[in-house]
Amino acid sequence: TKDLSRLGRNYLQTGTLIEDFFPRHGVRYIAMNDGIDTMRENNDIAPFKNILNEMYSKDISKKVHSSYLLKAQQGQFTGCIAPFGYQKDPEDKNHLIADEETAPTVRYIFQLALQGMGNNKIGKILYEQKIPKPAYYKPEYFGKFLVKEDDAYNWKQETVIRILRNPLYKGYFWVQKYDKKHFKQETRGYIPMSERTIIPSDHEALVDEHTWDTVQEMAVFQVDRWV
């Protein structure tokens, strides 16, 4: 590799590879810029370089996380894909504007919920009226799930719940839904709704606060992990 960092930035794992795995399997490893060659006796510096590489990785991870968190705390959108009902502002990728094609569906779902209809009932109505689900509008991300044309209208309960529970639609943001306790953690830890911070944003609300709050009081949401 070009240098040790290309092999890995976890000093324990890279150390194990160089000191144990490679020798046992007859693998010669060379890090050109760092002057490391497992066929020679000049590798004493390798453990120290591995530690420095991990410290660098940790520092970058912390800075990136802080940058995203700061934007979120300022009410800016930091996601890759605009939520259903919205699109990214062409002039500002951190600002959301209503998507005139899908925003009416979001408002309709809240209207049905206000009428006392449950999640399954709402899904059935949307299916009967052939109203496309979110995946229909993002074939580049969800196309593999649309095996049949009829599936485009097959709303799942969790999809309806995600929409009804999301404060985004009343003009607010969850600052964080997931969090990583350590930069080596491969999966993001889920933050329960009761522990999330909600702040107002400057993006357009699709429903008024009274409607959103009323739906939260009326509806029975059973699965927190769906949002």
C-alpha atoms as a PDB file:
ATOM      1  CA  THR A   1       0.000   0.000   0.000  1.00  0.00           C
ATOM      2  CA  LYS A   2       0.977   3.658  -0.269  1.00  0.00           C
ATOM      3  CA  ASP A   3       1.306   3.904   3.510  1.00  0.00           C
ATOM      4  CA  LEU A   4       0.096   2.194   6.696  1.00  0.00           C
ATOM      5  CA  SER A   5      -3.091   4.258   6.844  1.00  0.00           C
ATOM      6  CA  ARG A   6      -4.254   2.541   3.642  1.00  0.00           C
ATOM      7  CA  LEU A   7      -4.055  -0.801   5.416  1.00  0.00           C
ATOM      8  CA  GLY A   8      -6.207   0.501   8.257  1.00  0.00           C
ATOM      9  CA  ARG A   9      -6.552   3.188  10.927  1.00  0.00           C
ATOM     10  CA  ASN A  10      -7.336   0.847  13.813  1.00  0.00           C
ATOM     11  CA  TYR A  11      -3.947   0.337  15.429  1.00  0.00           C
ATOM     12  CA  LEU A  12      -4.944  -2.963  17.087  1.00  0.00           C
ATOM     13  CA  GLN A  13      -6.210  -4.512  13.858  1.00  0.00           C
ATOM     14  CA  THR A  14      -3.352  -3.265  11.680  1.00  0.00           C
ATOM     15  CA  GLY A  15      -0.870  -4.376  14.313  1.00  0.00           C
ATOM     16  CA  THR A  16      -2.405  -7.839  14.372  1.00  0.00           C
ATOM     17  CA  LEU A  17      -2.183  -8.062  10.590  1.00  0.00           C
ATOM     18  CA  ILE A  18       1.465  -7.017  10.448  1.00  0.00           C
ATOM     19  CA  GLU A  19       2.734  -8.872  13.514  1.00  0.00           C
ATOM     20  CA  ASP A  20       0.641 -12.040  13.350  1.00  0.00           C
ATOM     21  CA  PHE A  21      -1.635 -12.663  10.376  1.00  0.00           C
ATOM     22  CA  PHE A  22       0.758 -11.799   7.537  1.00  0.00           C
ATOM     23  CA  PRO A  23       3.721 -13.800   8.931  1.00  0.00           C
ATOM     24  CA  ARG A  24       1.550 -16.854   9.640  1.00  0.00           C
ATOM     25  CA  HIS A  25       0.179 -16.840   6.083  1.00  0.00           C
ATOM     26  CA  GLY A  26       3.414 -16.051   4.318  1.00  0.00           C
ATOM     27  CA  VAL A  27       2.264 -12.604   3.196  1.00  0.00           C
ATOM     28  CA  ARG A  28       4.816  -9.910   2.541  1.00  0.00           C
ATOM     29  CA  TYR A  29       3.429  -6.463   3.275  1.00  0.00           C
ATOM     30  CA  ILE A  30       5.048  -3.212   2.148  1.00  0.00           C
ATOM     31  CA  ALA A  31       3.998   0.344   3.033  1.00  0.00           C
ATOM     32  CA  MET A  32       6.069   2.326   0.553  1.00  0.00           C
ATOM     33  CA  ASN A  33       5.982   5.846   1.997  1.00  0.00           C
ATOM     34  CA  ASP A  34       6.441   4.612   5.574  1.00  0.00           C
ATOM     35  CA  GLY A  35       9.367   2.337   4.747  1.00  0.00           C
ATOM     36  CA  ILE A  36       7.645  -0.737   6.185  1.00  0.00           C
ATOM     37  CA  ASP A  37       8.517  -4.156   4.759  1.00  0.00           C
ATOM     38  CA  THR A  38       7.623  -7.288   6.717  1.00  0.00           C
ATOM     39  CA  MET A  39      10.467  -9.153   5.023  1.00  0.00           C
ATOM     40  CA  ARG A  40      12.986  -6.877   6.747  1.00  0.00           C
ATOM     41  CA  GLU A  41      13.827  -6.036  10.346  1.00  0.00           C
ATOM     42  CA  ASN A  42      13.064  -2.320  10.118  1.00  0.00           C
ATOM     43  CA  ASN A  43       9.483  -2.204  11.306  1.00  0.00           C
ATOM     44  CA  ASP A  44       9.835  -0.997  14.897  1.00  0.00           C
ATOM     45  CA  ILE A  45       8.210   2.322  13.984  1.00  0.00           C
ATOM     46  CA  ALA A  46       5.056   0.650  12.623  1.00  0.00           C
ATOM     47  CA  PRO A  47       3.115   0.478  15.965  1.00  0.00           C
ATOM     48  CA  PHE A  48       3.683   4.188  16.582  1.00  0.00           C
ATOM     49  CA  LYS A  49       2.589   5.142  13.078  1.00  0.00           C
ATOM     50  CA  ASN A  50      -0.553   2.997  13.500  1.00  0.00           C
ATOM     51  CA  ILE A  51      -1.422   4.833  16.711  1.00  0.00           C
ATOM     52  CA  LEU A  52      -0.932   8.209  15.014  1.00  0.00           C
ATOM     53  CA  ASN A  53      -3.130   7.097  12.105  1.00  0.00           C
ATOM     54  CA  GLU A  54      -5.893   6.134  14.522  1.00  0.00           C
ATOM     55  CA  MET A  55      -5.600   9.457  16.375  1.00  0.00           C
ATOM     56  CA  TYR A  56      -5.913  11.273  13.055  1.00  0.00           C
ATOM     57  CA  SER A  57      -8.983   9.231  12.124  1.00  0.00           C
ATOM     58  CA  LYS A  58     -10.558   9.975  15.503  1.00  0.00           C
ATOM     59  CA  ASP A  59      -9.891  13.691  15.129  1.00  0.00           C
ATOM     60  CA  ILE A  60     -11.433  13.829  11.637  1.00  0.00           C
ATOM     61  CA  SER A  61     -14.478  11.853  12.804  1.00  0.00           C
ATOM     62  CA  LYS A  62     -14.991  14.260  15.706  1.00  0.00           C
ATOM     63  CA  LYS A  63     -14.726  17.318  13.454  1.00  0.00           C
ATOM     64  CA  VAL A  64     -17.156  15.927  10.874  1.00  0.00           C
ATOM     65  CA  HIS A  65     -19.659  14.945  13.570  1.00  0.00           C
ATOM     66  CA  SER A  66     -19.391  18.380  15.206  1.00  0.00           C
ATOM     67  CA  SER A  67     -19.943  20.083  11.856  1.00  0.00           C
ATOM     68  CA  TYR A  68     -23.119  18.114  11.144  1.00  0.00           C
ATOM     69  CA  LEU A  69     -24.382  18.559  14.695  1.00  0.00           C
ATOM     70  CA  LEU A  70     -23.833  22.326  14.550  1.00  0.00           C
ATOM     71  CA  LYS A  71     -25.798  22.574  11.307  1.00  0.00           C
ATOM     72  CA  ALA A  72     -28.614  20.487  12.789  1.00  0.00           C
ATOM     73  CA  GLN A  73     -28.706  22.655  15.929  1.00  0.00           C
ATOM     74  CA  GLN A  74     -29.110  25.664  13.655  1.00  0.00           C
ATOM     75  CA  GLY A  75     -32.151  24.062  12.037  1.00  0.00           C
ATOM     76  CA  GLN A  76     -30.399  23.088   8.816  1.00  0.00           C
ATOM     77  CA  PHE A  77     -31.140  19.856   6.991  1.00  0.00           C
ATOM     78  CA  THR A  78     -28.081  17.564   6.804  1.00  0.00           C
ATOM     79  CA  GLY A  79     -29.541  14.406   5.255  1.00  0.00           C
ATOM     80  CA  CYS A  80     -28.631  12.963   1.869  1.00  0.00           C
ATOM     81  CA  ILE A  81     -32.235  12.475   0.717  1.00  0.00           C
ATOM     82  CA  ALA A  82     -35.022  14.997   1.254  1.00  0.00           C
ATOM     83  CA  PRO A  83     -37.862  13.521   3.345  1.00  0.00           C
ATOM     84  CA  PHE A  84     -41.110  12.584   1.613  1.00  0.00           C
ATOM     85  CA  GLY A  85     -43.080  15.747   0.872  1.00  0.00           C
ATOM     86  CA  TYR A  86     -39.975  17.876   0.468  1.00  0.00           C
ATOM     87  CA  GLN A  87     -37.148  18.542  -1.909  1.00  0.00           C
ATOM     88  CA  LYS A  88     -33.815  20.239  -1.369  1.00  0.00           C
ATOM     89  CA  ASP A  89     -33.690  23.907  -2.178  1.00  0.00           C
ATOM     90  CA  PRO A  90     -31.668  24.252  -5.422  1.00  0.00           C
ATOM     91  CA  GLU A  91     -29.988  27.320  -3.933  1.00  0.00           C
ATOM     92  CA  ASP A  92     -29.225  25.798  -0.522  1.00  0.00           C
ATOM     93  CA  LYS A  93     -28.816  22.039  -0.006  1.00  0.00           C
ATOM     94  CA  ASN A  94     -29.340  22.467   3.752  1.00  0.00           C
ATOM     95  CA  HIS A  95     -32.779  24.008   3.268  1.00  0.00           C
ATOM     96  CA  LEU A  96     -35.973  22.129   2.441  1.00  0.00           C
ATOM     97  CA  ILE A  97     -38.867  23.359   0.317  1.00  0.00           C
ATOM     98  CA  ALA A  98     -42.217  21.698  -0.272  1.00  0.00           C
ATOM     99  CA  ASP A  99     -42.442  19.221  -3.135  1.00  0.00           C
ATOM    100  CA  GLU A 100     -45.704  20.078  -4.854  1.00  0.00           C
ATOM    101  CA  GLU A 101     -46.023  16.522  -6.160  1.00  0.00           C
ATOM    102  CA  THR A 102     -45.780  14.712  -2.830  1.00  0.00           C
ATOM    103  CA  ALA A 103     -46.644  17.348  -0.197  1.00  0.00           C
ATOM    104  CA  PRO A 104     -50.423  16.898  -0.817  1.00  0.00           C
ATOM    105  CA  THR A 105     -50.086  13.217   0.112  1.00  0.00           C
ATOM    106  CA  VAL A 106     -48.518  14.134   3.452  1.00  0.00           C
ATOM    107  CA  ARG A 107     -51.311  16.589   4.191  1.00  0.00           C
ATOM    108  CA  TYR A 108     -53.901  13.982   3.174  1.00  0.00           C
ATOM    109  CA  ILE A 109     -52.395  11.418   5.562  1.00  0.00           C
ATOM    110  CA  PHE A 110     -52.698  13.882   8.441  1.00  0.00           C
ATOM    111  CA  GLN A 111     -56.298  14.657   7.451  1.00  0.00           C
ATOM    112  CA  LEU A 112     -57.162  10.959   7.559  1.00  0.00           C
ATOM    113  CA  ALA A 113     -55.496  10.632  10.961  1.00  0.00           C
ATOM    114  CA  LEU A 114     -57.520  13.593  12.265  1.00  0.00           C
ATOM    115  CA  GLN A 115     -60.647  11.704  11.238  1.00  0.00           C
ATOM    116  CA  GLY A 116     -59.638   8.968  13.647  1.00  0.00           C
ATOM    117  CA  MET A 117     -58.298   6.470  11.146  1.00  0.00           C
ATOM    118  CA  GLY A 118     -55.509   4.168  12.239  1.00  0.00           C
ATOM    119  CA  ASN A 119     -52.261   3.473  10.435  1.00  0.00           C
ATOM    120  CA  ASN A 120     -53.466   0.334   8.686  1.00  0.00           C
ATOM    121  CA  LYS A 121     -56.701   2.006   7.584  1.00  0.00           C
ATOM    122  CA  ILE A 122     -54.802   4.960   6.176  1.00  0.00           C
ATOM    123  CA  GLY A 123     -52.540   2.599   4.254  1.00  0.00           C
ATOM    124  CA  LYS A 124     -55.545   0.787   2.773  1.00  0.00           C
ATOM    125  CA  ILE A 125     -57.165   4.042   1.656  1.00  0.00           C
ATOM    126  CA  LEU A 126     -53.962   5.182  -0.028  1.00  0.00           C
ATOM    127  CA  TYR A 127     -53.706   1.805  -1.750  1.00  0.00           C
ATOM    128  CA  GLU A 128     -57.313   1.875  -2.941  1.00  0.00           C
ATOM    129  CA  GLN A 129     -56.878   5.397  -4.306  1.00  0.00           C
ATOM    130  CA  LYS A 130     -53.617   4.396  -6.056  1.00  0.00           C
ATOM    131  CA  ILE A 131     -51.542   7.027  -4.284  1.00  0.00           C
ATOM    132  CA  PRO A 132     -47.837   6.155  -4.709  1.00  0.00           C
ATOM    133  CA  LYS A 133     -45.724   5.508  -1.644  1.00  0.00           C
ATOM    134  CA  PRO A 134     -42.387   7.318  -1.031  1.00  0.00           C
ATOM    135  CA  ALA A 135     -40.274   4.626  -2.734  1.00  0.00           C
ATOM    136  CA  TYR A 136     -42.096   5.289  -6.004  1.00  0.00           C
ATOM    137  CA  TYR A 137     -40.544   8.756  -6.219  1.00  0.00           C
ATOM    138  CA  LYS A 138     -36.986   7.606  -5.460  1.00  0.00           C
ATOM    139  CA  PRO A 139     -36.329   4.721  -7.866  1.00  0.00           C
ATOM    140  CA  GLU A 140     -32.594   5.413  -7.753  1.00  0.00           C
ATOM    141  CA  TYR A 141     -32.656   4.533  -4.035  1.00  0.00           C
ATOM    142  CA  PHE A 142     -35.660   2.254  -3.646  1.00  0.00           C
ATOM    143  CA  GLY A 143     -36.233   0.833  -7.125  1.00  0.00           C
ATOM    144  CA  LYS A 144     -35.260  -2.671  -6.055  1.00  0.00           C
ATOM    145  CA  PHE A 145     -38.288  -2.761  -3.741  1.00  0.00           C
ATOM    146  CA  LEU A 146     -40.763  -1.951  -6.505  1.00  0.00           C
ATOM    147  CA  VAL A 147     -40.881  -5.412  -8.005  1.00  0.00           C
ATOM    148  CA  LYS A 148     -44.459  -5.078  -9.190  1.00  0.00           C
ATOM    149  CA  GLU A 149     -46.322  -2.022 -10.419  1.00  0.00           C
ATOM    150  CA  ASP A 150     -49.028  -2.666  -7.825  1.00  0.00           C
ATOM    151  CA  ASP A 151     -46.387  -2.477  -5.085  1.00  0.00           C
ATOM    152  CA  ALA A 152     -45.994   1.247  -5.747  1.00  0.00           C
ATOM    153  CA  TYR A 153     -49.253   1.795  -3.826  1.00  0.00           C
ATOM    154  CA  ASN A 154     -48.656  -0.745  -1.056  1.00  0.00           C
ATOM    155  CA  TRP A 155     -48.149   1.502   1.949  1.00  0.00           C
ATOM    156  CA  LYS A 156     -46.656  -0.210   4.989  1.00  0.00           C
ATOM    157  CA  GLN A 157     -47.759   0.638   8.500  1.00  0.00           C
ATOM    158  CA  GLU A 158     -44.293   1.824   9.473  1.00  0.00           C
ATOM    159  CA  THR A 159     -44.207   4.245   6.531  1.00  0.00           C
ATOM    160  CA  VAL A 160     -47.401   5.927   7.683  1.00  0.00           C
ATOM    161  CA  ILE A 161     -46.111   6.046  11.258  1.00  0.00           C
ATOM    162  CA  ARG A 162     -42.851   7.687  10.198  1.00  0.00           C
ATOM    163  CA  ILE A 163     -44.773  10.467   8.493  1.00  0.00           C
ATOM    164  CA  LEU A 164     -47.281  11.052  11.282  1.00  0.00           C
ATOM    165  CA  ARG A 165     -44.641  11.128  14.018  1.00  0.00           C
ATOM    166  CA  ASN A 166     -42.083  13.308  12.268  1.00  0.00           C
ATOM    167  CA  PRO A 167     -42.048  16.903  13.640  1.00  0.00           C
ATOM    168  CA  LEU A 168     -40.468  17.942  10.350  1.00  0.00           C
ATOM    169  CA  TYR A 169     -43.958  18.324   8.913  1.00  0.00           C
ATOM    170  CA  LYS A 170     -44.897  21.001  11.425  1.00  0.00           C
ATOM    171  CA  GLY A 171     -41.691  22.961  10.777  1.00  0.00           C
ATOM    172  CA  TYR A 172     -39.380  21.424  13.374  1.00  0.00           C
ATOM    173  CA  PHE A 173     -36.309  19.195  13.370  1.00  0.00           C
ATOM    174  CA  TRP A 174     -35.022  16.316  15.401  1.00  0.00           C
ATOM    175  CA  VAL A 175     -31.430  17.376  16.039  1.00  0.00           C
ATOM    176  CA  GLN A 176     -30.342  13.723  16.121  1.00  0.00           C
ATOM    177  CA  LYS A 177     -32.055  10.394  15.574  1.00  0.00           C
ATOM    178  CA  TYR A 178     -28.889   8.322  15.861  1.00  0.00           C
ATOM    179  CA  ASP A 179     -25.596   8.725  17.647  1.00  0.00           C
ATOM    180  CA  LYS A 180     -22.239   6.972  17.686  1.00  0.00           C
ATOM    181  CA  LYS A 181     -20.631   6.731  21.117  1.00  0.00           C
ATOM    182  CA  HIS A 182     -17.250   5.957  19.581  1.00  0.00           C
ATOM    183  CA  PHE A 183     -15.774   6.650  16.169  1.00  0.00           C
ATOM    184  CA  LYS A 184     -14.945   2.940  15.711  1.00  0.00           C
ATOM    185  CA  GLN A 185     -18.596   1.990  16.147  1.00  0.00           C
ATOM    186  CA  GLU A 186     -19.817   0.620  12.808  1.00  0.00           C
ATOM    187  CA  THR A 187     -23.546   1.114  13.412  1.00  0.00           C
ATOM    188  CA  ARG A 188     -25.243   4.243  14.675  1.00  0.00           C
ATOM    189  CA  GLY A 189     -26.969   3.966  18.039  1.00  0.00           C
ATOM    190  CA  TYR A 190     -30.707   4.646  18.008  1.00  0.00           C
ATOM    191  CA  ILE A 191     -31.942   7.549  20.150  1.00  0.00           C
ATOM    192  CA  PRO A 192     -35.483   6.979  21.529  1.00  0.00           C
ATOM    193  CA  MET A 193     -37.985   9.711  20.644  1.00  0.00           C
ATOM    194  CA  SER A 194     -38.383  10.676  24.301  1.00  0.00           C
ATOM    195  CA  GLU A 195     -34.671  11.556  24.451  1.00  0.00           C
ATOM    196  CA  ARG A 196     -34.413  13.515  21.202  1.00  0.00           C
ATOM    197  CA  THR A 197     -34.091  17.283  20.997  1.00  0.00           C
ATOM    198  CA  ILE A 198     -36.642  19.047  18.785  1.00  0.00           C
ATOM    199  CA  ILE A 199     -35.956  22.556  17.503  1.00  0.00           C
ATOM    200  CA  PRO A 200     -37.814  24.904  15.133  1.00  0.00           C
ATOM    201  CA  SER A 201     -36.528  25.296  11.589  1.00  0.00           C
ATOM    202  CA  ASP A 202     -37.012  27.777   8.782  1.00  0.00           C
ATOM    203  CA  HIS A 203     -38.302  25.226   6.261  1.00  0.00           C
ATOM    204  CA  GLU A 204     -41.955  25.261   5.245  1.00  0.00           C
ATOM    205  CA  ALA A 205     -44.355  23.294   7.427  1.00  0.00           C
ATOM    206  CA  LEU A 206     -46.766  21.018   5.563  1.00  0.00           C
ATOM    207  CA  VAL A 207     -49.275  20.941   8.432  1.00  0.00           C
ATOM    208  CA  ASP A 208     -49.895  23.404  11.241  1.00  0.00           C
ATOM    209  CA  GLU A 209     -48.691  22.701  14.764  1.00  0.00           C
ATOM    210  CA  HIS A 210     -52.197  22.179  16.117  1.00  0.00           C
ATOM    211  CA  THR A 211     -52.899  19.477  13.540  1.00  0.00           C
ATOM    212  CA  TRP A 212     -49.604  17.699  14.226  1.00  0.00           C
ATOM    213  CA  ASP A 213     -50.016  17.860  18.005  1.00  0.00           C
ATOM    214  CA  THR A 214     -53.622  16.648  17.805  1.00  0.00           C
ATOM    215  CA  VAL A 215     -52.621  13.653  15.696  1.00  0.00           C
ATOM    216  CA  GLN A 216     -49.978  12.722  18.282  1.00  0.00           C
ATOM    217  CA  GLU A 217     -52.629  12.718  20.989  1.00  0.00           C
ATOM    218  CA  MET A 218     -55.182  10.759  18.954  1.00  0.00           C
ATOM    219  CA  ALA A 219     -53.019   8.132  17.291  1.00  0.00           C
ATOM    220  CA  VAL A 220     -51.686   4.963  18.865  1.00  0.00           C
ATOM    221  CA  PHE A 221     -48.062   4.464  17.836  1.00  0.00           C
ATOM    222  CA  GLN A 222     -46.690   1.156  18.956  1.00  0.00           C
ATOM    223  CA  VAL A 223     -43.232   0.893  17.417  1.00  0.00           C
ATOM    224  CA  ASP A 224     -40.674   3.574  18.308  1.00  0.00           C
ATOM    225  CA  ARG A 225     -37.908   2.036  16.167  1.00  0.00           C
ATOM    226  CA  TRP A 226     -39.789   2.944  12.954  1.00  0.00           C
ATOM    227  CA  VAL A 227     -39.012   6.641  13.245  1.00  0.00           C
END
